[in-house]
Amino acid sequence: MYRDLKLTYSKEVKKAAGRKALRFSIDDSTLANSKNNPDNDVFYSYKYDGTLNITAISNNSPIFLSRLYLHKVGQGAQDQVTILDDVGMPVNFNENTDDFFMDLESVTGGSVKVNFDIQTNIYLENSPFFETGSNRLLPMFVVRAD
């Protein structure tokens, strides 16, 4: 499966020694469902806005990639789960540490920082074997690469 990830300019950030860098973040349209971005219809993006459906390349396991903590997936999905840190406190998305972005030096365009944080989720349908109350995304693990 080949998929472009469109990055768009989001803001200017300061780096070491006061140097300026331009931050480019993953564009929301890239992870939009096909209702909100018809171009994503070819990627089977029918369920959740803010996810990347990789079911077709994961042996038909219903796997969806998202930003950390289901950020921008939609309030319905976020309200169905609570993600806790190692001491049991709810975690919140921080755009400076948890997002998918690339910082480029403003003059040369050289890469200053790349932050590739992605969360893997499984889609669970309510069944007599595993009662969830309703269909939902269940976070499985996070991949952090910076």
N, C-alpha and C. Protein backbone atom coordinates (compact mmCIF):
# COMPACT_ATOMS: atom_id res chain seq x y z
N MET A 1 0.85 -1.17 0.00
CA MET A 1 0.00 0.00 0.00
C MET A 1 0.90 1.24 0.00
N TYR A 2 0.66 2.11 -0.93
CA TYR A 2 1.43 3.34 -1.05
C TYR A 2 0.51 4.49 -0.68
N ARG A 3 0.99 5.37 0.17
CA ARG A 3 0.15 6.48 0.61
C ARG A 3 1.00 7.71 0.86
N ASP A 4 0.66 8.80 0.22
CA ASP A 4 1.32 10.08 0.50
C ASP A 4 0.82 10.61 1.83
N LEU A 5 1.71 11.21 2.59
CA LEU A 5 1.32 11.92 3.80
C LEU A 5 1.63 13.39 3.56
N LYS A 6 0.58 14.17 3.37
CA LYS A 6 0.75 15.57 3.06
C LYS A 6 1.07 16.35 4.34
N LEU A 7 2.20 17.07 4.30
CA LEU A 7 2.59 17.94 5.41
C LEU A 7 2.37 19.38 4.98
N THR A 8 1.79 20.19 5.87
CA THR A 8 1.56 21.60 5.58
C THR A 8 2.20 22.46 6.65
N TYR A 9 2.58 23.67 6.27
CA TYR A 9 3.20 24.60 7.21
C TYR A 9 2.21 24.89 8.33
N SER A 10 2.68 24.79 9.58
CA SER A 10 1.79 25.09 10.70
C SER A 10 2.26 26.28 11.53
N LYS A 11 3.59 26.45 11.74
CA LYS A 11 4.05 27.60 12.51
C LYS A 11 5.58 27.68 12.49
N GLU A 12 6.08 28.82 12.99
CA GLU A 12 7.51 29.00 13.17
C GLU A 12 7.85 28.64 14.61
N VAL A 13 8.94 27.91 14.79
CA VAL A 13 9.37 27.52 16.14
C VAL A 13 10.82 27.94 16.33
N LYS A 14 11.21 28.18 17.58
CA LYS A 14 12.59 28.54 17.92
C LYS A 14 13.34 27.27 18.29
N LYS A 15 14.57 27.19 17.84
CA LYS A 15 15.42 26.04 18.15
C LYS A 15 16.68 26.52 18.85
N ALA A 16 17.64 25.65 19.03
CA ALA A 16 18.89 25.96 19.73
C ALA A 16 19.55 27.21 19.15
N ALA A 17 20.16 27.99 19.99
CA ALA A 17 20.88 29.21 19.62
C ALA A 17 19.96 30.23 18.95
N GLY A 18 18.66 30.16 19.24
CA GLY A 18 17.72 31.14 18.71
C GLY A 18 17.40 31.01 17.24
N ARG A 19 17.82 29.93 16.63
CA ARG A 19 17.54 29.74 15.19
C ARG A 19 16.06 29.48 14.97
N LYS A 20 15.58 29.95 13.85
CA LYS A 20 14.18 29.74 13.49
C LYS A 20 14.05 28.46 12.68
N ALA A 21 12.96 27.78 12.93
CA ALA A 21 12.64 26.60 12.13
C ALA A 21 11.17 26.69 11.73
N LEU A 22 10.85 26.13 10.61
CA LEU A 22 9.47 26.10 10.12
C LEU A 22 8.92 24.71 10.39
N ARG A 23 7.78 24.65 11.07
CA ARG A 23 7.17 23.36 11.40
C ARG A 23 6.12 23.00 10.36
N PHE A 24 6.24 21.77 9.85
CA PHE A 24 5.27 21.23 8.93
C PHE A 24 4.63 20.02 9.60
N SER A 25 3.30 20.02 9.67
CA SER A 25 2.57 18.95 10.34
C SER A 25 1.70 18.20 9.34
N ILE A 26 1.32 16.99 9.73
CA ILE A 26 0.46 16.20 8.86
C ILE A 26 -0.86 16.94 8.65
N ASP A 27 -1.27 17.05 7.42
CA ASP A 27 -2.49 17.77 7.07
C ASP A 27 -3.71 16.96 7.50
N ASP A 28 -4.70 17.63 8.09
CA ASP A 28 -5.91 16.94 8.56
C ASP A 28 -6.63 16.20 7.44
N SER A 29 -6.54 16.71 6.21
CA SER A 29 -7.23 16.04 5.10
C SER A 29 -6.65 14.66 4.81
N THR A 30 -5.38 14.44 5.15
CA THR A 30 -4.74 13.15 4.92
C THR A 30 -5.41 12.06 5.74
N LEU A 31 -5.84 12.40 6.96
CA LEU A 31 -6.46 11.41 7.84
C LEU A 31 -7.98 11.54 7.90
N ALA A 32 -8.54 12.35 7.03
CA ALA A 32 -10.00 12.51 7.02
C ALA A 32 -10.67 11.27 6.43
N ASN A 33 -11.88 10.99 6.87
CA ASN A 33 -12.61 9.88 6.27
C ASN A 33 -13.11 10.31 4.89
N SER A 34 -13.62 9.36 4.12
CA SER A 34 -14.00 9.66 2.74
C SER A 34 -15.21 10.60 2.65
N LYS A 35 -15.97 10.70 3.72
CA LYS A 35 -17.09 11.66 3.74
C LYS A 35 -16.55 13.09 3.75
N ASN A 36 -15.48 13.32 4.50
CA ASN A 36 -14.90 14.66 4.60
C ASN A 36 -13.82 14.94 3.57
N ASN A 37 -13.26 13.88 2.98
CA ASN A 37 -12.29 14.03 1.90
C ASN A 37 -12.50 12.88 0.92
N PRO A 38 -13.29 13.10 -0.12
CA PRO A 38 -13.59 12.03 -1.09
C PRO A 38 -12.36 11.38 -1.71
N ASP A 39 -11.22 12.09 -1.74
CA ASP A 39 -9.99 11.51 -2.29
C ASP A 39 -9.53 10.30 -1.48
N ASN A 40 -9.93 10.19 -0.22
CA ASN A 40 -9.52 9.08 0.64
C ASN A 40 -10.38 7.84 0.46
N ASP A 41 -11.35 7.90 -0.42
CA ASP A 41 -12.21 6.75 -0.68
C ASP A 41 -11.40 5.54 -1.14
N VAL A 42 -10.35 5.76 -1.91
CA VAL A 42 -9.53 4.66 -2.42
C VAL A 42 -8.73 3.96 -1.31
N PHE A 43 -8.65 4.59 -0.12
CA PHE A 43 -7.91 4.02 1.01
C PHE A 43 -8.85 3.40 2.05
N TYR A 44 -10.12 3.19 1.67
CA TYR A 44 -11.10 2.55 2.54
C TYR A 44 -11.26 3.31 3.86
N SER A 45 -11.25 4.63 3.79
CA SER A 45 -11.39 5.47 4.98
C SER A 45 -12.86 5.81 5.20
N TYR A 46 -13.64 4.82 5.64
CA TYR A 46 -15.08 5.01 5.77
C TYR A 46 -15.52 5.25 7.20
N LYS A 47 -14.77 4.80 8.18
CA LYS A 47 -15.26 4.85 9.56
C LYS A 47 -14.93 6.15 10.27
N TYR A 48 -13.74 6.25 10.79
CA TYR A 48 -13.38 7.36 11.67
C TYR A 48 -12.61 8.45 10.95
N ASP A 49 -13.02 9.68 11.20
CA ASP A 49 -12.26 10.83 10.75
C ASP A 49 -11.02 10.91 11.63
N GLY A 50 -9.86 11.20 11.05
CA GLY A 50 -8.64 11.32 11.84
C GLY A 50 -7.86 10.03 11.97
N THR A 51 -8.20 9.02 11.17
CA THR A 51 -7.48 7.75 11.23
C THR A 51 -7.02 7.33 9.84
N LEU A 52 -6.08 6.42 9.83
CA LEU A 52 -5.61 5.81 8.60
C LEU A 52 -5.92 4.32 8.71
N ASN A 53 -6.80 3.83 7.87
CA ASN A 53 -7.23 2.44 7.90
C ASN A 53 -6.17 1.57 7.22
N ILE A 54 -5.54 0.67 7.99
CA ILE A 54 -4.54 -0.23 7.40
C ILE A 54 -4.99 -1.69 7.46
N THR A 55 -6.30 -1.90 7.56
CA THR A 55 -6.87 -3.24 7.62
C THR A 55 -6.42 -4.10 6.44
N ALA A 56 -6.41 -3.51 5.25
CA ALA A 56 -6.06 -4.27 4.04
C ALA A 56 -4.63 -4.80 4.05
N ILE A 57 -3.73 -4.17 4.80
CA ILE A 57 -2.34 -4.63 4.82
C ILE A 57 -1.96 -5.26 6.15
N SER A 58 -2.95 -5.55 6.99
CA SER A 58 -2.67 -6.17 8.30
C SER A 58 -3.43 -7.48 8.45
N ASN A 59 -3.42 -8.29 7.40
CA ASN A 59 -4.10 -9.59 7.39
C ASN A 59 -5.57 -9.48 7.79
N ASN A 60 -6.22 -8.42 7.31
CA ASN A 60 -7.63 -8.13 7.57
C ASN A 60 -7.96 -7.94 9.04
N SER A 61 -6.97 -7.66 9.87
CA SER A 61 -7.25 -7.24 11.25
C SER A 61 -7.68 -5.78 11.18
N PRO A 62 -8.73 -5.40 11.88
CA PRO A 62 -9.25 -4.03 11.78
C PRO A 62 -8.37 -3.03 12.53
N ILE A 63 -7.28 -2.62 11.89
CA ILE A 63 -6.29 -1.74 12.52
C ILE A 63 -6.38 -0.34 11.91
N PHE A 64 -6.39 0.65 12.79
CA PHE A 64 -6.45 2.05 12.39
C PHE A 64 -5.33 2.81 13.08
N LEU A 65 -4.58 3.59 12.32
CA LEU A 65 -3.54 4.45 12.89
C LEU A 65 -4.13 5.82 13.16
N SER A 66 -3.66 6.47 14.22
CA SER A 66 -4.13 7.81 14.54
C SER A 66 -3.01 8.60 15.22
N ARG A 67 -3.27 9.89 15.43
CA ARG A 67 -2.39 10.66 16.29
C ARG A 67 -2.50 10.09 17.69
N LEU A 68 -1.55 10.45 18.57
CA LEU A 68 -1.60 9.94 19.94
C LEU A 68 -2.88 10.36 20.64
N TYR A 69 -3.34 9.49 21.51
CA TYR A 69 -4.50 9.72 22.37
C TYR A 69 -5.78 10.01 21.59
N LEU A 70 -5.85 9.48 20.37
CA LEU A 70 -7.01 9.64 19.49
C LEU A 70 -7.28 11.12 19.18
N HIS A 71 -6.23 11.93 19.21
CA HIS A 71 -6.37 13.36 18.93
C HIS A 71 -6.94 13.58 17.53
N LYS A 72 -7.96 14.39 17.43
CA LYS A 72 -8.65 14.74 16.18
C LYS A 72 -9.37 13.57 15.53
N VAL A 73 -9.57 12.47 16.25
CA VAL A 73 -10.34 11.35 15.69
C VAL A 73 -11.82 11.65 15.77
N GLY A 74 -12.22 12.44 16.69
CA GLY A 74 -13.63 12.76 16.88
C GLY A 74 -14.00 12.50 18.33
N GLN A 75 -14.81 13.38 18.86
CA GLN A 75 -15.15 13.31 20.28
C GLN A 75 -15.81 11.98 20.64
N GLY A 76 -16.59 11.41 19.75
CA GLY A 76 -17.24 10.14 20.05
C GLY A 76 -16.24 9.04 20.38
N ALA A 77 -15.19 8.93 19.59
CA ALA A 77 -14.16 7.91 19.83
C ALA A 77 -13.38 8.23 21.09
N GLN A 78 -13.07 9.50 21.31
CA GLN A 78 -12.31 9.90 22.49
C GLN A 78 -13.11 9.68 23.78
N ASP A 79 -14.41 9.87 23.73
CA ASP A 79 -15.25 9.71 24.92
C ASP A 79 -15.41 8.26 25.34
N GLN A 80 -15.12 7.32 24.45
CA GLN A 80 -15.32 5.90 24.75
C GLN A 80 -14.14 5.27 25.47
N VAL A 81 -13.00 5.93 25.50
CA VAL A 81 -11.82 5.38 26.19
C VAL A 81 -11.15 6.47 27.01
N THR A 82 -10.46 6.07 28.05
CA THR A 82 -9.63 6.97 28.82
C THR A 82 -8.21 6.40 28.81
N ILE A 83 -7.28 7.20 28.35
CA ILE A 83 -5.89 6.77 28.28
C ILE A 83 -5.17 7.35 29.50
N LEU A 84 -4.51 6.47 30.26
CA LEU A 84 -3.88 6.87 31.51
C LEU A 84 -2.37 6.75 31.42
N ASP A 85 -1.67 7.59 32.19
CA ASP A 85 -0.21 7.48 32.25
C ASP A 85 0.18 6.41 33.27
N ASP A 86 1.47 6.30 33.55
CA ASP A 86 1.95 5.22 34.41
C ASP A 86 1.54 5.36 35.88
N VAL A 87 1.00 6.52 36.28
CA VAL A 87 0.51 6.66 37.65
C VAL A 87 -1.01 6.77 37.71
N GLY A 88 -1.66 6.47 36.58
CA GLY A 88 -3.12 6.43 36.56
C GLY A 88 -3.83 7.74 36.28
N MET A 89 -3.09 8.74 35.82
CA MET A 89 -3.70 10.03 35.49
C MET A 89 -3.99 10.11 33.99
N PRO A 90 -5.13 10.71 33.63
CA PRO A 90 -5.45 10.86 32.20
C PRO A 90 -4.38 11.69 31.49
N VAL A 91 -4.05 11.28 30.26
CA VAL A 91 -3.07 12.02 29.47
C VAL A 91 -3.78 12.89 28.44
N ASN A 92 -3.15 13.99 28.12
CA ASN A 92 -3.68 14.91 27.12
C ASN A 92 -2.66 15.10 26.01
N PHE A 93 -3.15 15.34 24.83
CA PHE A 93 -2.32 15.55 23.66
C PHE A 93 -1.55 16.86 23.80
N ASN A 94 -0.25 16.83 23.48
CA ASN A 94 0.60 18.02 23.48
C ASN A 94 1.18 18.15 22.08
N GLU A 95 0.79 19.20 21.38
CA GLU A 95 1.21 19.34 19.97
C GLU A 95 2.72 19.50 19.80
N ASN A 96 3.44 19.90 20.85
CA ASN A 96 4.89 20.06 20.74
C ASN A 96 5.67 18.78 20.97
N THR A 97 5.03 17.76 21.56
CA THR A 97 5.74 16.51 21.84
C THR A 97 5.04 15.28 21.28
N ASP A 98 3.77 15.36 20.96
CA ASP A 98 2.99 14.17 20.60
C ASP A 98 2.52 14.12 19.16
N ASP A 99 2.79 15.13 18.39
CA ASP A 99 2.24 15.19 17.03
C ASP A 99 3.22 14.61 16.01
N PHE A 100 2.77 14.53 14.79
CA PHE A 100 3.54 14.07 13.65
C PHE A 100 3.98 15.33 12.92
N PHE A 101 5.28 15.71 13.02
CA PHE A 101 5.74 16.94 12.39
C PHE A 101 7.21 16.86 11.98
N MET A 102 7.60 17.85 11.17
CA MET A 102 8.98 17.99 10.75
C MET A 102 9.34 19.47 10.85
N ASP A 103 10.43 19.77 11.55
CA ASP A 103 10.93 21.15 11.65
C ASP A 103 12.11 21.31 10.70
N LEU A 104 12.02 22.33 9.84
CA LEU A 104 13.07 22.59 8.86
C LEU A 104 13.71 23.94 9.15
N GLU A 105 15.04 24.01 9.07
CA GLU A 105 15.76 25.26 9.26
C GLU A 105 15.27 26.25 8.22
N SER A 106 14.99 27.49 8.65
CA SER A 106 14.29 28.44 7.77
C SER A 106 15.10 28.94 6.58
N VAL A 107 16.43 28.88 6.65
CA VAL A 107 17.25 29.38 5.54
C VAL A 107 17.65 28.24 4.60
N THR A 108 18.19 27.16 5.16
CA THR A 108 18.72 26.08 4.32
C THR A 108 17.70 25.00 3.99
N GLY A 109 16.65 24.89 4.81
CA GLY A 109 15.67 23.82 4.61
C GLY A 109 16.12 22.49 5.19
N GLY A 110 17.25 22.52 5.91
CA GLY A 110 17.75 21.29 6.53
C GLY A 110 16.84 20.83 7.65
N SER A 111 16.75 19.55 7.81
CA SER A 111 15.90 18.97 8.86
C SER A 111 16.53 19.21 10.23
N VAL A 112 15.76 19.82 11.13
CA VAL A 112 16.20 20.10 12.48
C VAL A 112 15.63 19.06 13.44
N LYS A 113 14.39 18.69 13.23
CA LYS A 113 13.74 17.68 14.07
C LYS A 113 12.61 17.04 13.28
N VAL A 114 12.50 15.74 13.44
CA VAL A 114 11.37 15.00 12.87
C VAL A 114 10.74 14.24 14.02
N ASN A 115 9.45 14.41 14.19
CA ASN A 115 8.72 13.75 15.27
C ASN A 115 7.64 12.89 14.63
N PHE A 116 7.81 11.59 14.71
CA PHE A 116 6.87 10.65 14.10
C PHE A 116 6.24 9.82 15.21
N ASP A 117 5.19 10.36 15.80
CA ASP A 117 4.46 9.66 16.86
C ASP A 117 3.12 9.22 16.31
N ILE A 118 2.85 7.94 16.41
CA ILE A 118 1.62 7.38 15.85
C ILE A 118 1.07 6.34 16.81
N GLN A 119 -0.23 6.26 16.88
CA GLN A 119 -0.89 5.30 17.77
C GLN A 119 -1.60 4.24 16.94
N THR A 120 -1.46 3.00 17.33
CA THR A 120 -2.13 1.90 16.66
C THR A 120 -3.36 1.51 17.48
N ASN A 121 -4.50 1.42 16.80
CA ASN A 121 -5.78 1.12 17.44
C ASN A 121 -6.44 -0.05 16.73
N ILE A 122 -7.19 -0.84 17.47
CA ILE A 122 -7.98 -1.92 16.87
C ILE A 122 -9.45 -1.55 16.98
N TYR A 123 -10.20 -1.83 15.93
CA TYR A 123 -11.63 -1.55 15.91
C TYR A 123 -12.35 -2.77 16.46
N LEU A 124 -13.11 -2.58 17.52
CA LEU A 124 -13.86 -3.67 18.14
C LEU A 124 -15.35 -3.46 17.95
N GLU A 125 -15.99 -4.49 17.45
CA GLU A 125 -17.45 -4.45 17.36
C GLU A 125 -18.01 -5.18 18.58
N ASN A 126 -19.12 -4.66 19.08
CA ASN A 126 -19.76 -5.31 20.22
C ASN A 126 -20.17 -6.73 19.83
N SER A 127 -19.88 -7.69 20.70
CA SER A 127 -20.24 -9.08 20.41
C SER A 127 -20.52 -9.79 21.73
N PRO A 128 -21.14 -10.97 21.68
CA PRO A 128 -21.38 -11.71 22.92
C PRO A 128 -20.08 -12.18 23.59
N PHE A 129 -18.99 -12.24 22.83
CA PHE A 129 -17.72 -12.71 23.37
C PHE A 129 -16.92 -11.60 24.02
N PHE A 130 -17.10 -10.38 23.54
CA PHE A 130 -16.35 -9.25 24.06
C PHE A 130 -17.27 -8.05 24.09
N GLU A 131 -18.01 -7.89 25.16
CA GLU A 131 -19.00 -6.82 25.23
C GLU A 131 -18.33 -5.49 25.54
N THR A 132 -18.41 -4.60 24.59
CA THR A 132 -17.84 -3.27 24.77
C THR A 132 -18.94 -2.23 24.98
N GLY A 133 -20.19 -2.61 24.83
CA GLY A 133 -21.29 -1.67 24.95
C GLY A 133 -21.63 -1.04 23.61
N SER A 134 -20.63 -0.81 22.79
CA SER A 134 -20.81 -0.28 21.44
C SER A 134 -19.53 -0.51 20.66
N ASN A 135 -19.60 -0.28 19.37
CA ASN A 135 -18.39 -0.38 18.55
C ASN A 135 -17.44 0.74 18.95
N ARG A 136 -16.13 0.44 18.97
CA ARG A 136 -15.17 1.46 19.41
C ARG A 136 -13.76 1.16 18.92
N LEU A 137 -12.94 2.19 18.95
CA LEU A 137 -11.51 2.04 18.72
C LEU A 137 -10.85 1.81 20.07
N LEU A 138 -10.01 0.80 20.15
CA LEU A 138 -9.30 0.50 21.38
C LEU A 138 -7.80 0.71 21.13
N PRO A 139 -7.18 1.70 21.79
CA PRO A 139 -5.74 1.92 21.60
C PRO A 139 -4.95 0.69 22.00
N MET A 140 -3.97 0.31 21.17
CA MET A 140 -3.13 -0.86 21.45
C MET A 140 -1.73 -0.45 21.88
N PHE A 141 -1.05 0.32 21.07
CA PHE A 141 0.31 0.78 21.41
C PHE A 141 0.67 2.02 20.63
N VAL A 142 1.73 2.65 21.09
CA VAL A 142 2.22 3.89 20.48
C VAL A 142 3.63 3.66 19.95
N VAL A 143 3.92 4.21 18.79
CA VAL A 143 5.27 4.21 18.24
C VAL A 143 5.76 5.64 18.30
N ARG A 144 6.88 5.85 18.99
CA ARG A 144 7.49 7.18 19.08
C ARG A 144 8.84 7.14 18.39
N ALA A 145 9.02 8.04 17.46
CA ALA A 145 10.31 8.14 16.77
C ALA A 145 10.63 9.61 16.59
N ASP A 146 11.62 10.09 17.34
CA ASP A 146 11.99 11.49 17.17
C ASP A 146 13.50 11.62 17.18
